[in-house]
Amino acid sequence: MKLDIIARLLDVLERDVVPLTRARVREGNKIFGAAVLRKSDLGLVVAGTNLETQCPLWHGEVTTIQTLYEIPRAGRPPAKDCLFLSSHEPCSMCLSAITWAGFDNFYYLFRYDETRDAFQIPHDLRILREVFRCDDGGYARENVYWKSHDIVDEIEARAEPARAELLTRVEELRRLYADLSAHYQSIKTESEIPLS
C-alpha cells in the first residue's frame, strides 16, 4: 500500500469518522465507524458511525453502506471503484455487509484483540468463535470477494522516518478512541443495545 493511501486513511479517521463517532457515543452508541473513499483520487464519498441505539444492526460499517446507497445511483460510485475503511476490524455481520455491498477491499485500524482488550468489547471474537468456529478471528483475510488490509501492519512495513510519523498518528487515534471508549463504557448500561 502506498504511503499516500495510508496517510489519507488516517486523515479520514481523524477528520471525518472520529467527530461523527464522538457525537454518537454521547448518545450511547459504540465506538465503531467507517468511510468510503474513491480509489481514483482518495476523495471521501461518505462516512458513518455506529447507531445501535436505533437498531442493533446499525453498526458503523452498515450505516456507512446505507448512507452510500442513499446517494442517487447516477452520482454514487460503484463499490468496486472505492476503498472501504473501518475504524475497527469488522465483525462477522459487517464482513458480510461489505461483501454483499460489492467492495473488493477493506482497511481497518484496530484489530479484534484491541477491540476486546483495549476497548472492552469482546463480541466480535466471541461470535466468530461460538457461531462460526473461527478461533482468534481466523476468517480468510483474502478471498474471492475481497482483500483486507491491517493499516498498522502496513505502517510497520515502512521505512523510517515515514514509519515513525505514521505510528505517532496511530497513537493519537488510539488515545482518541480510548477516550471515546471510556465514555461509552461509563454510560452503556443506559442503552438498550443487546450486546453492549
N, C-alpha and C. Protein backbone atom coordinates (compact mmCIF):
# COMPACT_ATOMS: atom_id res chain seq x y z
N MET A 1 0.85 -1.17 0.00
CA MET A 1 0.00 0.00 0.00
C MET A 1 0.89 1.24 0.00
N LYS A 2 0.55 2.21 -0.80
CA LYS A 2 1.34 3.42 -0.90
C LYS A 2 1.17 4.29 0.35
N LEU A 3 2.22 5.04 0.65
CA LEU A 3 2.19 5.92 1.83
C LEU A 3 1.07 6.94 1.76
N ASP A 4 0.79 7.46 0.56
CA ASP A 4 -0.27 8.47 0.45
C ASP A 4 -1.63 7.89 0.79
N ILE A 5 -1.84 6.61 0.49
CA ILE A 5 -3.11 5.97 0.84
C ILE A 5 -3.21 5.82 2.36
N ILE A 6 -2.13 5.34 2.99
CA ILE A 6 -2.14 5.19 4.45
C ILE A 6 -2.42 6.54 5.12
N ALA A 7 -1.70 7.57 4.69
CA ALA A 7 -1.88 8.90 5.29
C ALA A 7 -3.31 9.40 5.09
N ARG A 8 -3.86 9.16 3.92
CA ARG A 8 -5.23 9.62 3.65
C ARG A 8 -6.25 8.86 4.51
N LEU A 9 -6.05 7.56 4.69
CA LEU A 9 -6.97 6.80 5.54
C LEU A 9 -6.94 7.32 6.98
N LEU A 10 -5.75 7.63 7.48
CA LEU A 10 -5.65 8.21 8.83
C LEU A 10 -6.31 9.58 8.89
N ASP A 11 -6.15 10.39 7.82
CA ASP A 11 -6.82 11.69 7.75
C ASP A 11 -8.33 11.54 7.89
N VAL A 12 -8.89 10.60 7.14
CA VAL A 12 -10.34 10.41 7.15
C VAL A 12 -10.81 9.95 8.53
N LEU A 13 -10.06 9.05 9.15
CA LEU A 13 -10.44 8.64 10.51
C LEU A 13 -10.42 9.85 11.44
N GLU A 14 -9.34 10.63 11.40
CA GLU A 14 -9.19 11.78 12.30
C GLU A 14 -10.24 12.86 12.06
N ARG A 15 -10.44 13.21 10.81
CA ARG A 15 -11.24 14.40 10.47
C ARG A 15 -12.72 14.12 10.22
N ASP A 16 -13.03 12.91 9.79
CA ASP A 16 -14.41 12.62 9.39
C ASP A 16 -15.09 11.59 10.28
N VAL A 17 -14.41 10.50 10.58
CA VAL A 17 -15.04 9.42 11.34
C VAL A 17 -15.08 9.74 12.83
N VAL A 18 -13.97 10.19 13.41
CA VAL A 18 -13.94 10.46 14.86
C VAL A 18 -14.98 11.50 15.27
N PRO A 19 -15.12 12.63 14.57
CA PRO A 19 -16.15 13.58 15.00
C PRO A 19 -17.57 13.00 14.99
N LEU A 20 -17.90 12.21 13.97
CA LEU A 20 -19.22 11.56 13.94
C LEU A 20 -19.36 10.58 15.10
N THR A 21 -18.30 9.83 15.35
CA THR A 21 -18.32 8.84 16.42
C THR A 21 -18.48 9.51 17.77
N ARG A 22 -17.77 10.59 17.97
CA ARG A 22 -17.87 11.32 19.24
C ARG A 22 -19.32 11.72 19.52
N ALA A 23 -20.00 12.23 18.52
CA ALA A 23 -21.40 12.65 18.69
C ALA A 23 -22.30 11.45 19.01
N ARG A 24 -22.08 10.33 18.34
CA ARG A 24 -22.93 9.16 18.54
C ARG A 24 -22.63 8.45 19.87
N VAL A 25 -21.37 8.46 20.31
CA VAL A 25 -21.03 7.86 21.59
C VAL A 25 -21.76 8.60 22.71
N ARG A 26 -21.89 9.91 22.60
CA ARG A 26 -22.63 10.69 23.60
C ARG A 26 -24.08 10.22 23.73
N GLU A 27 -24.60 9.63 22.65
CA GLU A 27 -25.98 9.13 22.64
C GLU A 27 -26.06 7.67 23.10
N GLY A 28 -24.91 7.08 23.45
CA GLY A 28 -24.90 5.71 23.94
C GLY A 28 -24.48 4.65 22.94
N ASN A 29 -24.02 5.07 21.76
CA ASN A 29 -23.60 4.12 20.73
C ASN A 29 -22.14 3.72 20.92
N LYS A 30 -21.79 2.58 20.33
CA LYS A 30 -20.41 2.09 20.40
C LYS A 30 -19.49 2.95 19.53
N ILE A 31 -18.21 2.63 19.59
CA ILE A 31 -17.16 3.49 19.03
C ILE A 31 -16.79 3.17 17.58
N PHE A 32 -17.54 2.36 16.89
CA PHE A 32 -17.15 1.90 15.57
C PHE A 32 -17.64 2.83 14.47
N GLY A 33 -16.75 3.14 13.53
CA GLY A 33 -17.11 3.99 12.40
C GLY A 33 -16.47 3.49 11.12
N ALA A 34 -16.86 4.09 10.00
CA ALA A 34 -16.35 3.65 8.70
C ALA A 34 -16.46 4.79 7.70
N ALA A 35 -15.85 4.58 6.54
CA ALA A 35 -15.91 5.56 5.46
C ALA A 35 -15.70 4.84 4.13
N VAL A 36 -16.15 5.50 3.07
CA VAL A 36 -15.93 5.02 1.71
C VAL A 36 -15.21 6.13 0.97
N LEU A 37 -14.12 5.77 0.28
CA LEU A 37 -13.33 6.72 -0.49
C LEU A 37 -13.23 6.23 -1.93
N ARG A 38 -13.15 7.15 -2.87
CA ARG A 38 -12.93 6.78 -4.27
C ARG A 38 -11.48 6.31 -4.44
N LYS A 39 -11.28 5.22 -5.14
CA LYS A 39 -9.93 4.75 -5.42
C LYS A 39 -9.16 5.74 -6.30
N SER A 40 -9.86 6.39 -7.20
CA SER A 40 -9.21 7.23 -8.20
C SER A 40 -8.48 8.43 -7.61
N ASP A 41 -9.09 9.09 -6.62
CA ASP A 41 -8.49 10.31 -6.07
C ASP A 41 -8.48 10.35 -4.55
N LEU A 42 -8.91 9.25 -3.91
CA LEU A 42 -8.99 9.14 -2.45
C LEU A 42 -9.95 10.14 -1.82
N GLY A 43 -10.86 10.68 -2.65
CA GLY A 43 -11.87 11.59 -2.13
C GLY A 43 -12.89 10.85 -1.29
N LEU A 44 -13.32 11.50 -0.22
CA LEU A 44 -14.32 10.91 0.65
C LEU A 44 -15.68 10.91 -0.04
N VAL A 45 -16.32 9.76 -0.04
CA VAL A 45 -17.68 9.66 -0.57
C VAL A 45 -18.66 9.80 0.58
N VAL A 46 -18.52 8.98 1.61
CA VAL A 46 -19.36 9.05 2.81
C VAL A 46 -18.58 8.56 4.02
N ALA A 47 -19.01 8.99 5.18
CA ALA A 47 -18.51 8.48 6.45
C ALA A 47 -19.73 8.18 7.33
N GLY A 48 -19.57 7.25 8.23
CA GLY A 48 -20.67 6.90 9.12
C GLY A 48 -20.14 6.33 10.41
N THR A 49 -21.07 6.10 11.32
CA THR A 49 -20.68 5.57 12.62
C THR A 49 -21.83 4.75 13.20
N ASN A 50 -21.57 4.12 14.30
CA ASN A 50 -22.49 3.21 14.95
C ASN A 50 -23.77 3.92 15.39
N LEU A 51 -24.90 3.29 15.13
CA LEU A 51 -26.22 3.81 15.55
C LEU A 51 -27.04 2.70 16.20
N GLU A 52 -26.38 1.86 17.00
CA GLU A 52 -27.06 0.72 17.61
C GLU A 52 -28.18 1.12 18.56
N THR A 53 -28.19 2.34 19.05
CA THR A 53 -29.29 2.75 19.92
C THR A 53 -30.59 2.86 19.12
N GLN A 54 -30.50 2.99 17.80
CA GLN A 54 -31.70 3.00 16.96
C GLN A 54 -32.09 1.59 16.53
N CYS A 55 -31.07 0.76 16.25
CA CYS A 55 -31.29 -0.62 15.82
C CYS A 55 -29.99 -1.38 16.04
N PRO A 56 -30.02 -2.57 16.64
CA PRO A 56 -28.79 -3.30 16.92
C PRO A 56 -27.98 -3.66 15.67
N LEU A 57 -28.60 -3.60 14.50
CA LEU A 57 -27.88 -3.91 13.26
C LEU A 57 -27.13 -2.73 12.67
N TRP A 58 -27.34 -1.53 13.22
CA TRP A 58 -26.73 -0.34 12.64
C TRP A 58 -25.29 -0.14 13.14
N HIS A 59 -24.45 -1.11 12.82
CA HIS A 59 -23.03 -0.97 13.11
C HIS A 59 -22.44 0.11 12.20
N GLY A 60 -21.27 0.60 12.53
CA GLY A 60 -20.66 1.68 11.76
C GLY A 60 -20.53 1.36 10.28
N GLU A 61 -20.12 0.14 9.96
CA GLU A 61 -19.97 -0.24 8.56
C GLU A 61 -21.32 -0.28 7.85
N VAL A 62 -22.32 -0.81 8.53
CA VAL A 62 -23.65 -0.94 7.92
C VAL A 62 -24.27 0.44 7.68
N THR A 63 -24.16 1.34 8.66
CA THR A 63 -24.73 2.68 8.45
C THR A 63 -23.99 3.42 7.34
N THR A 64 -22.70 3.16 7.22
CA THR A 64 -21.93 3.80 6.15
C THR A 64 -22.38 3.29 4.79
N ILE A 65 -22.59 1.99 4.68
CA ILE A 65 -23.08 1.43 3.41
C ILE A 65 -24.48 1.96 3.12
N GLN A 66 -25.33 2.05 4.12
CA GLN A 66 -26.67 2.60 3.92
C GLN A 66 -26.59 4.04 3.41
N THR A 67 -25.72 4.83 4.03
CA THR A 67 -25.55 6.22 3.60
C THR A 67 -25.05 6.30 2.16
N LEU A 68 -24.14 5.41 1.81
CA LEU A 68 -23.65 5.36 0.42
C LEU A 68 -24.81 5.11 -0.54
N TYR A 69 -25.67 4.16 -0.19
CA TYR A 69 -26.77 3.82 -1.09
C TYR A 69 -27.93 4.81 -1.05
N GLU A 70 -27.86 5.80 -0.18
CA GLU A 70 -28.83 6.90 -0.23
C GLU A 70 -28.45 7.92 -1.29
N ILE A 71 -27.22 7.87 -1.78
CA ILE A 71 -26.80 8.73 -2.88
C ILE A 71 -27.49 8.23 -4.14
N PRO A 72 -28.12 9.12 -4.91
CA PRO A 72 -28.76 8.66 -6.15
C PRO A 72 -27.78 7.89 -7.03
N ARG A 73 -28.28 6.88 -7.67
CA ARG A 73 -27.44 5.97 -8.44
C ARG A 73 -26.51 6.69 -9.42
N ALA A 74 -27.01 7.72 -10.07
CA ALA A 74 -26.20 8.43 -11.06
C ALA A 74 -24.96 9.09 -10.44
N GLY A 75 -25.03 9.43 -9.16
CA GLY A 75 -23.91 10.08 -8.51
C GLY A 75 -23.13 9.20 -7.55
N ARG A 76 -23.52 7.95 -7.45
CA ARG A 76 -22.90 7.03 -6.50
C ARG A 76 -21.85 6.18 -7.21
N PRO A 77 -20.60 6.23 -6.75
CA PRO A 77 -19.59 5.39 -7.39
C PRO A 77 -19.84 3.92 -7.07
N PRO A 78 -19.53 3.04 -8.01
CA PRO A 78 -19.66 1.60 -7.72
C PRO A 78 -18.69 1.19 -6.62
N ALA A 79 -19.10 0.22 -5.81
CA ALA A 79 -18.25 -0.23 -4.72
C ALA A 79 -16.89 -0.69 -5.21
N LYS A 80 -16.83 -1.30 -6.38
CA LYS A 80 -15.55 -1.79 -6.90
C LYS A 80 -14.57 -0.66 -7.20
N ASP A 81 -15.07 0.56 -7.29
CA ASP A 81 -14.22 1.73 -7.54
C ASP A 81 -13.87 2.48 -6.26
N CYS A 82 -14.15 1.85 -5.12
CA CYS A 82 -13.97 2.52 -3.83
C CYS A 82 -13.11 1.71 -2.87
N LEU A 83 -12.57 2.41 -1.89
CA LEU A 83 -11.91 1.81 -0.74
C LEU A 83 -12.89 1.85 0.42
N PHE A 84 -12.94 0.78 1.19
CA PHE A 84 -13.78 0.75 2.39
C PHE A 84 -12.87 0.80 3.60
N LEU A 85 -13.10 1.78 4.46
CA LEU A 85 -12.29 1.99 5.65
C LEU A 85 -13.14 1.78 6.89
N SER A 86 -12.63 0.98 7.82
CA SER A 86 -13.33 0.73 9.09
C SER A 86 -12.38 1.08 10.23
N SER A 87 -12.91 1.72 11.24
CA SER A 87 -12.06 2.06 12.38
C SER A 87 -11.55 0.79 13.06
N HIS A 88 -12.37 -0.24 13.12
CA HIS A 88 -12.04 -1.49 13.79
C HIS A 88 -12.25 -2.65 12.82
N GLU A 89 -11.53 -3.71 13.03
CA GLU A 89 -11.70 -4.89 12.19
C GLU A 89 -13.16 -5.30 12.23
N PRO A 90 -13.82 -5.43 11.07
CA PRO A 90 -15.26 -5.65 11.03
C PRO A 90 -15.71 -6.96 11.65
N CYS A 91 -16.83 -6.90 12.36
CA CYS A 91 -17.44 -8.09 12.94
C CYS A 91 -17.96 -8.98 11.81
N SER A 92 -18.46 -10.16 12.16
CA SER A 92 -18.94 -11.10 11.16
C SER A 92 -20.09 -10.52 10.33
N MET A 93 -21.00 -9.79 10.97
CA MET A 93 -22.09 -9.19 10.22
C MET A 93 -21.57 -8.15 9.24
N CYS A 94 -20.63 -7.34 9.68
CA CYS A 94 -20.11 -6.28 8.82
C CYS A 94 -19.22 -6.84 7.71
N LEU A 95 -18.51 -7.95 7.99
CA LEU A 95 -17.78 -8.62 6.92
C LEU A 95 -18.76 -9.03 5.81
N SER A 96 -19.90 -9.55 6.22
CA SER A 96 -20.92 -9.94 5.24
C SER A 96 -21.50 -8.72 4.52
N ALA A 97 -21.74 -7.65 5.25
CA ALA A 97 -22.29 -6.44 4.62
C ALA A 97 -21.33 -5.87 3.58
N ILE A 98 -20.06 -5.83 3.92
CA ILE A 98 -19.04 -5.35 2.97
C ILE A 98 -19.05 -6.23 1.72
N THR A 99 -19.17 -7.53 1.92
CA THR A 99 -19.20 -8.48 0.81
C THR A 99 -20.44 -8.26 -0.05
N TRP A 100 -21.61 -8.24 0.58
CA TRP A 100 -22.86 -8.07 -0.16
C TRP A 100 -22.93 -6.73 -0.88
N ALA A 101 -22.27 -5.72 -0.35
CA ALA A 101 -22.27 -4.40 -0.99
C ALA A 101 -21.34 -4.34 -2.20
N GLY A 102 -20.47 -5.34 -2.36
CA GLY A 102 -19.64 -5.41 -3.56
C GLY A 102 -18.25 -4.81 -3.45
N PHE A 103 -17.80 -4.50 -2.25
CA PHE A 103 -16.44 -3.96 -2.10
C PHE A 103 -15.43 -5.08 -2.30
N ASP A 104 -14.33 -4.78 -2.97
CA ASP A 104 -13.29 -5.79 -3.17
C ASP A 104 -12.14 -5.62 -2.18
N ASN A 105 -12.36 -4.77 -1.17
CA ASN A 105 -11.31 -4.47 -0.19
C ASN A 105 -11.93 -3.90 1.06
N PHE A 106 -11.17 -3.93 2.14
CA PHE A 106 -11.45 -3.07 3.28
C PHE A 106 -10.16 -2.90 4.08
N TYR A 107 -10.07 -1.76 4.75
CA TYR A 107 -8.93 -1.38 5.56
C TYR A 107 -9.44 -1.13 6.97
N TYR A 108 -8.65 -1.52 7.97
CA TYR A 108 -9.06 -1.27 9.35
C TYR A 108 -7.85 -0.87 10.18
N LEU A 109 -8.13 -0.10 11.26
CA LEU A 109 -7.06 0.37 12.13
C LEU A 109 -6.87 -0.53 13.34
N PHE A 110 -7.93 -0.81 14.07
CA PHE A 110 -7.82 -1.59 15.30
C PHE A 110 -8.23 -3.03 15.06
N ARG A 111 -7.41 -3.95 15.55
CA ARG A 111 -7.66 -5.38 15.39
C ARG A 111 -8.67 -5.87 16.43
N TYR A 112 -9.18 -7.07 16.19
CA TYR A 112 -10.14 -7.68 17.11
C TYR A 112 -9.62 -7.72 18.55
N ASP A 113 -8.36 -8.09 18.73
CA ASP A 113 -7.84 -8.19 20.10
C ASP A 113 -7.81 -6.83 20.78
N GLU A 114 -7.58 -5.76 20.03
CA GLU A 114 -7.64 -4.42 20.61
C GLU A 114 -9.07 -4.05 20.96
N THR A 115 -10.00 -4.43 20.09
CA THR A 115 -11.42 -4.15 20.36
C THR A 115 -11.82 -4.84 21.66
N ARG A 116 -11.38 -6.07 21.84
CA ARG A 116 -11.71 -6.82 23.05
C ARG A 116 -10.98 -6.27 24.27
N ASP A 117 -9.68 -6.07 24.16
CA ASP A 117 -8.86 -5.76 25.33
C ASP A 117 -8.82 -4.26 25.65
N ALA A 118 -8.49 -3.44 24.69
CA ALA A 118 -8.35 -2.01 24.95
C ALA A 118 -9.71 -1.31 25.04
N PHE A 119 -10.70 -1.79 24.27
CA PHE A 119 -11.99 -1.12 24.21
C PHE A 119 -13.10 -1.89 24.91
N GLN A 120 -12.79 -3.04 25.49
CA GLN A 120 -13.70 -3.83 26.30
C GLN A 120 -14.99 -4.22 25.58
N ILE A 121 -14.84 -4.56 24.30
CA ILE A 121 -15.98 -5.03 23.51
C ILE A 121 -15.56 -6.37 22.90
N PRO A 122 -15.90 -7.48 23.58
CA PRO A 122 -15.40 -8.81 23.20
C PRO A 122 -16.23 -9.55 22.16
N HIS A 123 -17.32 -8.97 21.71
CA HIS A 123 -18.31 -9.72 20.95
C HIS A 123 -17.82 -10.20 19.59
N ASP A 124 -16.97 -9.42 18.91
CA ASP A 124 -16.50 -9.84 17.57
C ASP A 124 -15.82 -11.20 17.64
N LEU A 125 -14.83 -11.32 18.50
CA LEU A 125 -14.11 -12.59 18.62
C LEU A 125 -15.00 -13.69 19.17
N ARG A 126 -15.86 -13.36 20.11
CA ARG A 126 -16.74 -14.37 20.71
C ARG A 126 -17.72 -14.92 19.68
N ILE A 127 -18.32 -14.06 18.88
CA ILE A 127 -19.27 -14.51 17.85
C ILE A 127 -18.55 -15.35 16.79
N LEU A 128 -17.38 -14.89 16.34
CA LEU A 128 -16.64 -15.67 15.35
C LEU A 128 -16.31 -17.06 15.89
N ARG A 129 -15.95 -17.15 17.17
CA ARG A 129 -15.61 -18.45 17.77
C ARG A 129 -16.86 -19.30 17.99
N GLU A 130 -17.89 -18.73 18.62
CA GLU A 130 -19.06 -19.51 19.01
C GLU A 130 -19.98 -19.88 17.84
N VAL A 131 -20.16 -18.96 16.91
CA VAL A 131 -21.09 -19.20 15.82
C VAL A 131 -20.40 -19.85 14.61
N PHE A 132 -19.21 -19.34 14.28
CA PHE A 132 -18.54 -19.78 13.05
C PHE A 132 -17.35 -20.71 13.29
N ARG A 133 -17.00 -20.95 14.56
CA ARG A 133 -15.86 -21.80 14.93
C ARG A 133 -14.55 -21.29 14.34
N CYS A 134 -14.43 -19.97 14.25
CA CYS A 134 -13.19 -19.32 13.81
C CYS A 134 -12.46 -18.84 15.05
N ASP A 135 -11.48 -19.59 15.49
CA ASP A 135 -10.72 -19.19 16.67
C ASP A 135 -9.82 -18.01 16.34
N ASP A 136 -9.66 -17.13 17.32
CA ASP A 136 -8.78 -15.97 17.21
C ASP A 136 -9.08 -15.10 15.98
N GLY A 137 -10.35 -15.04 15.59
CA GLY A 137 -10.73 -14.19 14.46
C GLY A 137 -10.20 -14.70 13.14
N GLY A 138 -10.04 -16.00 13.00
CA GLY A 138 -9.38 -16.59 11.84
C GLY A 138 -10.21 -16.70 10.58
N TYR A 139 -10.82 -15.62 10.13
CA TYR A 139 -11.51 -15.64 8.84
C TYR A 139 -10.48 -15.51 7.71
N ALA A 140 -10.87 -15.75 6.49
CA ALA A 140 -9.98 -15.65 5.33
C ALA A 140 -9.79 -14.18 4.97
N ARG A 141 -8.66 -13.63 5.30
CA ARG A 141 -8.41 -12.20 5.09
C ARG A 141 -8.23 -11.80 3.63
N GLU A 142 -8.04 -12.79 2.80
CA GLU A 142 -8.05 -12.60 1.35
C GLU A 142 -8.85 -13.75 0.77
N ASN A 143 -9.84 -13.43 -0.04
CA ASN A 143 -10.72 -14.46 -0.59
C ASN A 143 -11.24 -14.00 -1.94
N VAL A 144 -12.18 -14.71 -2.54
CA VAL A 144 -12.67 -14.36 -3.88
C VAL A 144 -13.44 -13.05 -3.89
N TYR A 145 -13.88 -12.57 -2.73
CA TYR A 145 -14.67 -11.35 -2.68
C TYR A 145 -13.83 -10.11 -2.44
N TRP A 146 -12.91 -10.18 -1.46
CA TRP A 146 -12.14 -9.01 -1.08
C TRP A 146 -10.82 -9.39 -0.44
N LYS A 147 -10.00 -8.36 -0.29
CA LYS A 147 -8.75 -8.48 0.46
C LYS A 147 -8.81 -7.47 1.59
N SER A 148 -8.49 -7.91 2.80
CA SER A 148 -8.48 -6.99 3.93
C SER A 148 -7.06 -6.46 4.15
N HIS A 149 -6.98 -5.28 4.74
CA HIS A 149 -5.70 -4.61 4.97
C HIS A 149 -5.65 -4.07 6.40
N ASP A 150 -4.70 -4.55 7.16
CA ASP A 150 -4.45 -4.05 8.50
C ASP A 150 -3.53 -2.83 8.37
N ILE A 151 -4.05 -1.65 8.67
CA ILE A 151 -3.29 -0.42 8.47
C ILE A 151 -2.00 -0.41 9.29
N VAL A 152 -2.06 -0.88 10.52
CA VAL A 152 -0.85 -0.88 11.35
C VAL A 152 0.20 -1.82 10.78
N ASP A 153 -0.19 -2.98 10.29
CA ASP A 153 0.77 -3.87 9.63
C ASP A 153 1.42 -3.18 8.44
N GLU A 154 0.61 -2.47 7.67
CA GLU A 154 1.14 -1.74 6.51
C GLU A 154 2.15 -0.68 6.94
N ILE A 155 1.86 0.01 8.02
CA ILE A 155 2.77 1.04 8.53
C ILE A 155 4.06 0.41 9.04
N GLU A 156 3.94 -0.68 9.78
CA GLU A 156 5.12 -1.35 10.34
C GLU A 156 6.10 -1.78 9.26
N ALA A 157 5.62 -2.04 8.07
CA ALA A 157 6.47 -2.49 6.96
C ALA A 157 7.20 -1.34 6.26
N ARG A 158 6.91 -0.11 6.65
CA ARG A 158 7.52 1.06 6.01
C ARG A 158 8.88 1.39 6.60
N ALA A 159 9.65 2.13 5.82
CA ALA A 159 10.97 2.60 6.27
C ALA A 159 10.80 3.88 7.09
N GLU A 160 11.80 4.17 7.89
CA GLU A 160 11.83 5.43 8.63
C GLU A 160 12.17 6.56 7.66
N PRO A 161 11.77 7.78 7.88
CA PRO A 161 11.04 8.30 9.03
C PRO A 161 9.52 8.17 8.89
N ALA A 162 9.04 7.72 7.71
CA ALA A 162 7.59 7.64 7.49
C ALA A 162 6.94 6.73 8.52
N ARG A 163 7.58 5.61 8.83
CA ARG A 163 7.03 4.66 9.79
C ARG A 163 6.76 5.34 11.13
N ALA A 164 7.74 6.03 11.67
CA ALA A 164 7.60 6.69 12.98
C ALA A 164 6.52 7.77 12.93
N GLU A 165 6.49 8.54 11.85
CA GLU A 165 5.49 9.62 11.73
C GLU A 165 4.07 9.04 11.71
N LEU A 166 3.88 7.98 10.94
CA LEU A 166 2.55 7.38 10.85
C LEU A 166 2.15 6.70 12.16
N LEU A 167 3.10 6.05 12.82
CA LEU A 167 2.79 5.41 14.10
C LEU A 167 2.43 6.45 15.17
N THR A 168 3.02 7.63 15.09
CA THR A 168 2.65 8.71 16.00
C THR A 168 1.18 9.09 15.79
N ARG A 169 0.76 9.14 14.54
CA ARG A 169 -0.65 9.43 14.24
C ARG A 169 -1.56 8.32 14.75
N VAL A 170 -1.12 7.07 14.62
CA VAL A 170 -1.91 5.95 15.12
C VAL A 170 -2.05 6.05 16.63
N GLU A 171 -0.98 6.40 17.32
CA GLU A 171 -1.04 6.53 18.79
C GLU A 171 -2.02 7.63 19.19
N GLU A 172 -2.08 8.71 18.44
CA GLU A 172 -3.05 9.77 18.73
C GLU A 172 -4.47 9.24 18.52
N LEU A 173 -4.68 8.46 17.47
CA LEU A 173 -6.00 7.87 17.25
C LEU A 173 -6.34 6.88 18.36
N ARG A 174 -5.37 6.12 18.83
CA ARG A 174 -5.61 5.21 19.96
C ARG A 174 -6.06 6.00 21.19
N ARG A 175 -5.42 7.14 21.42
CA ARG A 175 -5.80 7.97 22.56
C ARG A 175 -7.22 8.49 22.40
N LEU A 176 -7.56 8.99 21.21
CA LEU A 176 -8.91 9.49 20.96
C LEU A 176 -9.95 8.39 21.17
N TYR A 177 -9.67 7.22 20.61
CA TYR A 177 -10.62 6.12 20.75
C TYR A 177 -10.69 5.60 22.18
N ALA A 178 -9.58 5.66 22.91
CA ALA A 178 -9.61 5.26 24.33
C ALA A 178 -10.54 6.19 25.11
N ASP A 179 -10.48 7.49 24.83
CA ASP A 179 -11.38 8.44 25.48
C ASP A 179 -12.84 8.15 25.12
N LEU A 180 -13.09 7.91 23.83
CA LEU A 180 -14.45 7.58 23.40
C LEU A 180 -14.94 6.29 24.06
N SER A 181 -14.06 5.32 24.13
CA SER A 181 -14.42 4.05 24.75
C SER A 181 -14.74 4.21 26.23
N ALA A 182 -13.93 5.00 26.93
CA ALA A 182 -14.18 5.22 28.36
C ALA A 182 -15.55 5.85 28.56
N HIS A 183 -15.91 6.80 27.70
CA HIS A 183 -17.22 7.42 27.82
C HIS A 183 -18.33 6.39 27.54
N TYR A 184 -18.16 5.63 26.46
CA TYR A 184 -19.16 4.61 26.14
C TYR A 184 -19.32 3.62 27.30
N GLN A 185 -18.21 3.14 27.83
CA GLN A 185 -18.27 2.17 28.92
C GLN A 185 -18.99 2.74 30.15
N SER A 186 -18.84 4.05 30.36
CA SER A 186 -19.45 4.68 31.54
C SER A 186 -20.96 4.83 31.42
N ILE A 187 -21.49 4.81 30.19
CA ILE A 187 -22.93 5.03 30.01
C ILE A 187 -23.65 3.87 29.33
N LYS A 188 -22.95 2.80 28.99
CA LYS A 188 -23.56 1.74 28.17
C LYS A 188 -24.75 1.05 28.85
N THR A 189 -24.79 1.03 30.16
CA THR A 189 -25.92 0.38 30.83
C THR A 189 -27.22 1.15 30.64
N GLU A 190 -27.13 2.39 30.19
CA GLU A 190 -28.32 3.20 29.95
C GLU A 190 -28.98 2.89 28.61
N SER A 191 -28.26 2.20 27.72
CA SER A 191 -28.80 1.92 26.39
C SER A 191 -29.53 0.58 26.37
N GLU A 192 -30.23 0.34 25.27
CA GLU A 192 -30.92 -0.94 25.10
C GLU A 192 -30.20 -1.82 24.08
N ILE A 193 -28.91 -1.58 23.86
CA ILE A 193 -28.15 -2.37 22.92
C ILE A 193 -27.99 -3.78 23.49
N PRO A 194 -28.44 -4.82 22.78
CA PRO A 194 -28.39 -6.18 23.33
C PRO A 194 -26.97 -6.64 23.72
N LEU A 195 -25.99 -6.41 22.88
CA LEU A 195 -24.61 -6.81 23.19
C LEU A 195 -23.80 -5.55 23.45
N SER A 196 -24.01 -4.95 24.62
CA SER A 196 -23.34 -3.68 24.92
C SER A 196 -21.96 -3.90 25.50
